[in-house]
């Protein structure tokens, strides 16, 4: 059995990105305040994909289902079937429809089908779910029935372009394990969990926690958060949990960039030598400012991945590929 496990598992780099445009910030920023960052996705995304193709990178793009819509009328049609009533209704996507244009040509902030098609046409890219309406699974007022309706809306709108999705990233990392059954009903097999440390618990918030998270990106405060296939299988959905968020380049803090890269590379090296998985994630809009600098950072990471691949057979995975690997190993053990 140990030989089977070694044959299946060489360890790997898992990459996921959350694609959501304005649907993620309508409840936190005044309308239009963050639009420059979101519009920058249209410059950043093709360049990220080009690097992924150049270095043979497999990645998951967790995508808000509303971005598949071709018209405002289509958005409204699907949102009518999701009767969510948050206690704080500013979280509800349908409350933003009045600000939405008629189609992607008129509104780059709320439509994204052309971006999804670009991802789909790039080899080894998975289009996963970020729910249909950027649904918050732990906010007061929402119910499991609402969540089911949201999942089914995604399943319907993406069917023709991508087919059934296999991976989900919960918005704001609000993971509600009571909803895993609903995820499995629509064919989802894995999710991105949070790092296994109190600092990354969704229950811990506030300025001190944010500072600790920020510091952890530059210095190893909480560990490398690598994950084994055995650990992933403890939930009813495979938990391909996060190892780190890739913080974008920040000019005033450029003297810390070396520390950030050292932190990432040390974790990747440990994953390669211990045959475990290192899961790095970010948002495409994080690259919008200082695009050249952020692409250079990404390319340095991917070049190091290639070194580890050649030396240790370290591999690249989308989230669903790791989950399927887990299922293969489980079958072999039986």
Protein backbone atom coordinates (compact mmCIF):
# COMPACT_ATOMS: atom_id res chain seq x y z
CA UNK A 1 0.00 0.00 0.00
CA UNK A 2 2.87 2.38 0.72
CA UNK A 3 4.20 1.82 -2.81
CA UNK A 4 0.77 2.69 -4.22
CA UNK A 5 0.66 5.92 -2.18
CA UNK A 6 4.14 6.90 -3.35
CA UNK A 7 3.22 6.24 -6.97
CA UNK A 8 0.14 8.43 -6.75
CA UNK A 9 1.54 11.23 -4.62
CA UNK A 10 4.58 13.28 -5.56
CA UNK A 11 3.35 16.32 -3.68
CA UNK A 12 2.48 19.44 -5.54
CA UNK A 13 1.73 23.09 -5.99
CA UNK A 14 -1.97 23.90 -5.95
CA UNK A 15 -3.07 27.30 -7.23
CA UNK A 16 -6.52 28.83 -7.01
CA UNK A 17 -7.81 32.29 -7.88
CA UNK A 18 -11.12 33.90 -6.93
CA UNK A 19 -12.77 35.62 -9.91
CA UNK A 20 -15.70 37.80 -8.87
CA UNK A 21 -15.27 41.38 -10.10
CA UNK A 22 -17.61 43.85 -8.38
CA UNK A 23 -19.83 41.12 -6.90
CA UNK A 24 -17.34 40.75 -4.05
CA UNK A 25 -17.07 44.39 -3.01
CA UNK A 26 -20.51 45.92 -3.57
CA UNK A 27 -21.25 45.52 0.14
CA UNK A 28 -17.92 46.90 1.41
CA UNK A 29 -16.96 49.74 -0.96
CA UNK A 30 -18.95 52.72 -2.21
CA UNK A 31 -20.00 52.00 -5.79
CA UNK A 32 -17.17 52.71 -8.22
CA UNK A 33 -14.52 53.22 -5.55
CA UNK A 34 -12.76 49.95 -6.38
CA UNK A 35 -13.59 49.98 -10.09
CA UNK A 36 -10.02 50.69 -11.24
CA UNK A 37 -8.80 47.51 -9.55
CA UNK A 38 -11.65 45.46 -10.99
CA UNK A 39 -11.28 46.81 -14.51
CA UNK A 40 -7.59 45.93 -14.23
CA UNK A 41 -8.57 42.26 -14.16
CA UNK A 42 -9.02 42.43 -17.93
CA UNK A 43 -5.33 43.27 -18.34
CA UNK A 44 -4.06 40.97 -15.58
CA UNK A 45 -6.00 37.79 -16.32
CA UNK A 46 -4.64 37.11 -19.86
CA UNK A 47 -1.08 37.70 -18.65
CA UNK A 48 -1.53 35.36 -15.69
CA UNK A 49 -2.92 32.72 -18.04
CA UNK A 50 0.03 33.19 -20.40
CA UNK A 51 2.46 32.50 -17.55
CA UNK A 52 0.45 29.45 -16.49
CA UNK A 53 0.60 28.09 -20.03
CA UNK A 54 4.32 28.85 -20.34
CA UNK A 55 5.17 26.96 -17.13
CA UNK A 56 2.59 24.18 -17.46
CA UNK A 57 0.58 25.31 -14.45
CA UNK A 58 -2.76 23.76 -13.53
CA UNK A 59 -5.05 26.13 -11.61
CA UNK A 60 -8.59 26.54 -10.33
CA UNK A 61 -10.52 29.73 -11.05
CA UNK A 62 -13.34 29.95 -8.51
CA UNK A 63 -15.88 32.05 -10.42
CA UNK A 64 -19.03 33.86 -9.30
CA UNK A 65 -21.90 32.43 -11.36
CA UNK A 66 -23.33 35.85 -12.18
CA UNK A 67 -20.30 36.47 -14.40
CA UNK A 68 -21.60 33.83 -16.84
CA UNK A 69 -24.68 35.94 -17.62
CA UNK A 70 -24.90 37.63 -21.01
CA UNK A 71 -27.50 40.22 -20.01
CA UNK A 72 -28.98 42.00 -17.02
CA UNK A 73 -32.26 40.23 -17.73
CA UNK A 74 -30.54 36.85 -17.45
CA UNK A 75 -29.03 37.86 -14.10
CA UNK A 76 -32.45 38.95 -12.82
CA UNK A 77 -34.01 35.68 -14.00
CA UNK A 78 -31.64 33.56 -11.96
CA UNK A 79 -31.59 35.85 -8.91
CA UNK A 80 -35.38 35.63 -8.66
CA UNK A 81 -34.94 31.95 -7.88
CA UNK A 82 -32.62 32.64 -4.91
CA UNK A 83 -34.90 34.03 -2.17
CA UNK A 84 -32.15 34.76 0.32
CA UNK A 85 -33.06 37.32 2.97
CA UNK A 86 -29.97 38.25 4.95
CA UNK A 87 -30.59 40.23 8.11
CA UNK A 88 -28.29 42.77 6.45
CA UNK A 89 -29.68 42.98 2.94
CA UNK A 90 -26.72 44.89 1.57
CA UNK A 91 -25.11 41.44 1.20
CA UNK A 92 -27.79 40.38 -1.31
CA UNK A 93 -26.66 40.50 -4.94
CA UNK A 94 -30.15 41.31 -6.26
CA UNK A 95 -30.04 44.60 -4.34
CA UNK A 96 -27.29 45.73 -6.75
CA UNK A 97 -29.14 45.10 -10.01
CA UNK A 98 -30.17 48.73 -10.36
CA UNK A 99 -26.47 49.61 -10.76
CA UNK A 100 -25.76 46.91 -13.35
CA UNK A 101 -25.49 47.66 -17.08
CA UNK A 102 -27.25 45.72 -19.81
CA UNK A 103 -24.35 43.51 -20.91
CA UNK A 104 -20.58 43.04 -20.81
CA UNK A 105 -19.90 45.68 -23.45
CA UNK A 106 -21.57 48.27 -21.23
CA UNK A 107 -20.45 46.99 -17.84
CA UNK A 108 -17.01 45.47 -17.25
CA UNK A 109 -17.57 45.40 -13.49
CA UNK A 110 -20.45 42.90 -13.36
CA UNK A 111 -20.16 40.72 -16.49
CA UNK A 112 -17.32 38.34 -17.25
CA UNK A 113 -18.23 35.66 -19.78
CA UNK A 114 -15.41 36.67 -22.12
CA UNK A 115 -12.95 36.23 -19.24
CA UNK A 116 -14.36 32.79 -18.47
CA UNK A 117 -14.03 31.79 -22.11
CA UNK A 118 -10.39 32.95 -22.04
CA UNK A 119 -9.73 30.72 -19.02
CA UNK A 120 -11.52 27.78 -20.62
CA UNK A 121 -9.39 28.06 -23.77
CA UNK A 122 -6.14 27.84 -21.75
CA UNK A 123 -4.83 24.31 -21.06
CA UNK A 124 -5.11 22.78 -17.58
CA UNK A 125 -7.39 25.46 -16.12
CA UNK A 126 -10.38 24.48 -13.98
CA UNK A 127 -13.40 26.76 -13.68
CA UNK A 128 -14.80 26.18 -10.21
CA UNK A 129 -17.61 27.68 -8.17
CA UNK A 130 -17.51 30.78 -6.02
CA UNK A 131 -21.31 30.37 -5.66
CA UNK A 132 -23.74 32.12 -7.98
CA UNK A 133 -24.38 35.31 -6.03
CA UNK A 134 -21.25 35.48 -3.84
CA UNK A 135 -23.35 33.75 -1.19
CA UNK A 136 -22.33 34.13 2.47
CA UNK A 137 -22.95 30.83 4.23
CA UNK A 138 -22.55 32.10 7.80
CA UNK A 139 -24.45 35.39 7.71
CA UNK A 140 -27.70 35.70 9.66
CA UNK A 141 -30.88 35.28 7.67
CA UNK A 142 -29.66 32.93 4.93
CA UNK A 143 -30.73 29.28 4.97
CA UNK A 144 -29.59 25.98 3.53
CA UNK A 145 -32.54 26.11 1.11
CA UNK A 146 -31.29 29.49 -0.14
CA UNK A 147 -27.82 28.04 -0.61
CA UNK A 148 -29.22 25.08 -2.55
CA UNK A 149 -31.03 27.49 -4.87
CA UNK A 150 -27.80 29.40 -5.39
CA UNK A 151 -25.87 26.23 -6.24
CA UNK A 152 -28.51 25.12 -8.73
CA UNK A 153 -28.43 28.54 -10.41
CA UNK A 154 -24.69 28.08 -10.98
CA UNK A 155 -25.20 24.55 -12.27
CA UNK A 156 -27.73 25.78 -14.83
CA UNK A 157 -25.93 28.89 -16.07
CA UNK A 158 -22.54 27.18 -16.50
CA UNK A 159 -23.79 23.90 -17.96
CA UNK A 160 -23.33 24.76 -21.62
CA UNK A 161 -19.92 26.43 -21.27
CA UNK A 162 -18.12 24.38 -18.62
CA UNK A 163 -20.28 21.45 -17.58
CA UNK A 164 -20.63 20.47 -13.90
CA UNK A 165 -18.19 22.14 -11.52
CA UNK A 166 -16.15 20.04 -9.10
CA UNK A 167 -14.51 22.59 -6.77
CA UNK A 168 -15.93 25.35 -4.61
CA UNK A 169 -14.39 28.28 -2.78
CA UNK A 170 -16.79 29.74 -0.21
CA UNK A 171 -17.04 33.57 -0.37
CA UNK A 172 -15.21 35.31 2.48
CA UNK A 173 -14.11 31.78 3.47
CA UNK A 174 -17.43 31.36 5.29
CA UNK A 175 -17.41 27.57 5.40
CA UNK A 176 -20.59 25.94 6.68
CA UNK A 177 -20.05 22.20 6.90
CA UNK A 178 -23.79 21.65 7.32
CA UNK A 179 -24.08 22.65 3.65
CA UNK A 180 -21.64 20.05 2.34
CA UNK A 181 -24.51 17.71 1.45
CA UNK A 182 -25.97 20.36 -0.84
CA UNK A 183 -22.55 20.74 -2.49
CA UNK A 184 -22.32 17.03 -3.17
CA UNK A 185 -25.81 17.03 -4.70
CA UNK A 186 -24.60 19.24 -7.57
CA UNK A 187 -21.38 17.26 -8.09
CA UNK A 188 -18.89 19.29 -6.08
CA UNK A 189 -16.13 17.11 -4.63
CA UNK A 190 -13.75 19.54 -2.91
CA UNK A 191 -13.40 22.96 -1.33
CA UNK A 192 -10.65 25.31 -0.24
CA UNK A 193 -10.51 25.36 3.52
CA UNK A 194 -8.70 27.91 5.65
CA UNK A 195 -5.23 27.45 7.07
CA UNK A 196 -5.35 25.28 10.17
CA UNK A 197 -4.47 27.94 12.73
CA UNK A 198 -6.58 30.21 15.00
CA UNK A 199 -5.30 33.31 13.18
CA UNK A 200 -7.13 32.14 10.05
CA UNK A 201 -10.40 31.20 11.71
CA UNK A 202 -13.38 33.15 10.34
CA UNK A 203 -14.46 33.63 13.96
CA UNK A 204 -11.33 35.65 14.70
CA UNK A 205 -11.51 39.18 13.34
CA UNK A 206 -10.25 42.63 14.22
CA UNK A 207 -7.16 44.74 13.70
CA UNK A 208 -4.79 42.49 15.67
CA UNK A 209 -5.74 39.44 13.62
CA UNK A 210 -5.28 41.35 10.36
CA UNK A 211 -1.81 42.45 11.47
CA UNK A 212 -0.87 38.86 12.36
CA UNK A 213 -2.04 37.63 8.95
CA UNK A 214 -0.05 40.36 7.25
CA UNK A 215 3.10 39.53 9.21
CA UNK A 216 2.62 35.84 8.49
CA UNK A 217 3.03 36.56 4.77
CA UNK A 218 6.59 37.74 5.38
CA UNK A 219 7.71 35.73 8.42
CA UNK A 220 6.85 32.17 9.37
CA UNK A 221 4.62 32.82 12.37
CA UNK A 222 1.95 30.13 11.94
CA UNK A 223 3.74 27.41 9.94
CA UNK A 224 3.69 26.40 6.28
CA UNK A 225 0.19 24.88 6.32
CA UNK A 226 1.05 22.02 4.01
CA UNK A 227 -1.60 19.36 3.56
CA UNK A 228 -1.48 15.60 3.02
CA UNK A 229 -4.00 13.50 1.13
CA UNK A 230 -4.93 11.76 4.37
CA UNK A 231 -5.78 15.09 6.03
CA UNK A 232 -7.87 16.22 3.07
CA UNK A 233 -10.23 13.27 3.38
CA UNK A 234 -11.43 14.00 6.93
CA UNK A 235 -14.47 15.95 5.68
CA UNK A 236 -17.28 14.73 3.43
CA UNK A 237 -15.87 17.14 0.84
CA UNK A 238 -12.14 16.93 0.14
CA UNK A 239 -10.52 19.87 1.94
CA UNK A 240 -7.73 21.19 -0.29
CA UNK A 241 -7.01 23.81 2.31
CA UNK A 242 -5.10 27.01 1.77
CA UNK A 243 -1.42 27.30 2.60
CA UNK A 244 -0.98 31.01 1.87
CA UNK A 245 -2.48 34.09 0.24
CA UNK A 246 -0.17 35.68 -2.32
CA UNK A 247 -0.03 39.31 -1.24
CA UNK A 248 0.41 41.77 -4.11
CA UNK A 249 3.45 43.96 -4.49
CA UNK A 250 3.35 47.07 -2.30
CA UNK A 251 5.75 49.88 -3.20
CA UNK A 252 6.17 51.33 0.31
CA UNK A 253 6.95 47.81 1.58
CA UNK A 254 9.18 46.72 -1.31
CA UNK A 255 12.04 46.06 1.13
CA UNK A 256 9.95 43.15 2.46
CA UNK A 257 9.46 41.44 -0.91
CA UNK A 258 12.56 39.30 -0.40
CA UNK A 259 11.13 37.99 2.86
CA UNK A 260 7.83 37.18 1.19
CA UNK A 261 9.52 35.19 -1.56
CA UNK A 262 11.74 33.39 0.95
CA UNK A 263 8.65 32.42 2.96
CA UNK A 264 6.88 31.03 -0.11
CA UNK A 265 9.91 29.18 -1.49
CA UNK A 266 10.77 27.57 1.84
CA UNK A 267 7.21 26.24 2.11
CA UNK A 268 7.26 24.97 -1.49
CA UNK A 269 10.58 23.23 -0.86
CA UNK A 270 9.22 21.54 2.25
CA UNK A 271 6.17 20.39 0.31
CA UNK A 272 8.36 18.95 -2.46
CA UNK A 273 10.66 17.09 -0.06
CA UNK A 274 7.83 15.74 2.12
CA UNK A 275 5.46 14.91 -0.77
CA UNK A 276 2.75 17.19 0.54
CA UNK A 277 0.73 19.98 -1.07
CA UNK A 278 1.25 23.73 -0.95
CA UNK A 279 -1.87 25.72 -1.90
CA UNK A 280 -1.35 29.34 -2.95
CA UNK A 281 -4.27 31.60 -3.80
CA UNK A 282 -5.12 35.19 -4.68
CA UNK A 283 -7.58 37.34 -6.66
CA UNK A 284 -6.79 38.43 -10.23
CA UNK A 285 -7.62 42.01 -9.24
CA UNK A 286 -4.76 41.91 -6.70
CA UNK A 287 -2.42 42.18 -9.70
CA UNK A 288 -4.18 45.22 -11.19
CA UNK A 289 -1.95 47.79 -9.52
CA UNK A 290 1.74 47.35 -10.32
CA UNK A 291 0.90 44.63 -12.84
CA UNK A 292 4.48 44.23 -14.06
CA UNK A 293 5.84 43.82 -10.54
CA UNK A 294 3.18 41.26 -9.61
CA UNK A 295 3.72 39.25 -12.78
CA UNK A 296 7.47 39.19 -12.06
CA UNK A 297 6.74 37.85 -8.56
CA UNK A 298 4.48 35.16 -10.01
CA UNK A 299 7.04 34.16 -12.62
CA UNK A 300 9.74 33.81 -9.97
CA UNK A 301 7.44 31.45 -8.04
CA UNK A 302 6.70 29.43 -11.18
CA UNK A 303 10.38 29.22 -12.10
CA UNK A 304 11.09 27.84 -8.63
CA UNK A 305 8.23 25.37 -9.11
CA UNK A 306 9.97 24.10 -12.24
CA UNK A 307 13.22 23.61 -10.32
CA UNK A 308 11.38 21.56 -7.69
CA UNK A 309 9.55 19.63 -10.39
CA UNK A 310 12.80 18.61 -12.05
CA UNK A 311 14.51 17.70 -8.78
CA UNK A 312 11.66 16.10 -6.78
CA UNK A 313 8.94 15.37 -9.36
CA UNK A 314 6.88 18.08 -7.66
CA UNK A 315 3.73 18.56 -9.73
CA UNK A 316 1.11 21.20 -10.48
CA UNK A 317 -2.55 20.64 -9.67
CA UNK A 318 -5.92 22.28 -9.93
CA UNK A 319 -8.08 21.65 -6.87
CA UNK A 320 -10.27 18.97 -8.43
CA UNK A 321 -7.19 17.03 -9.59
CA UNK A 322 -5.97 16.74 -6.01
CA UNK A 323 -9.44 15.58 -4.93
CA UNK A 324 -9.50 12.94 -7.66
CA UNK A 325 -6.03 11.82 -6.60
CA UNK A 326 -7.38 11.39 -3.07
CA UNK A 327 -10.26 9.28 -4.39
CA UNK A 328 -7.84 7.11 -6.38
CA UNK A 329 -5.73 6.49 -3.29
CA UNK A 330 -8.80 5.66 -1.23
CA UNK A 331 -9.91 3.09 -3.82
CA UNK A 332 -6.43 1.54 -3.94
CA UNK A 333 -6.41 1.11 -0.17
CA UNK A 334 -9.75 -0.70 -0.29
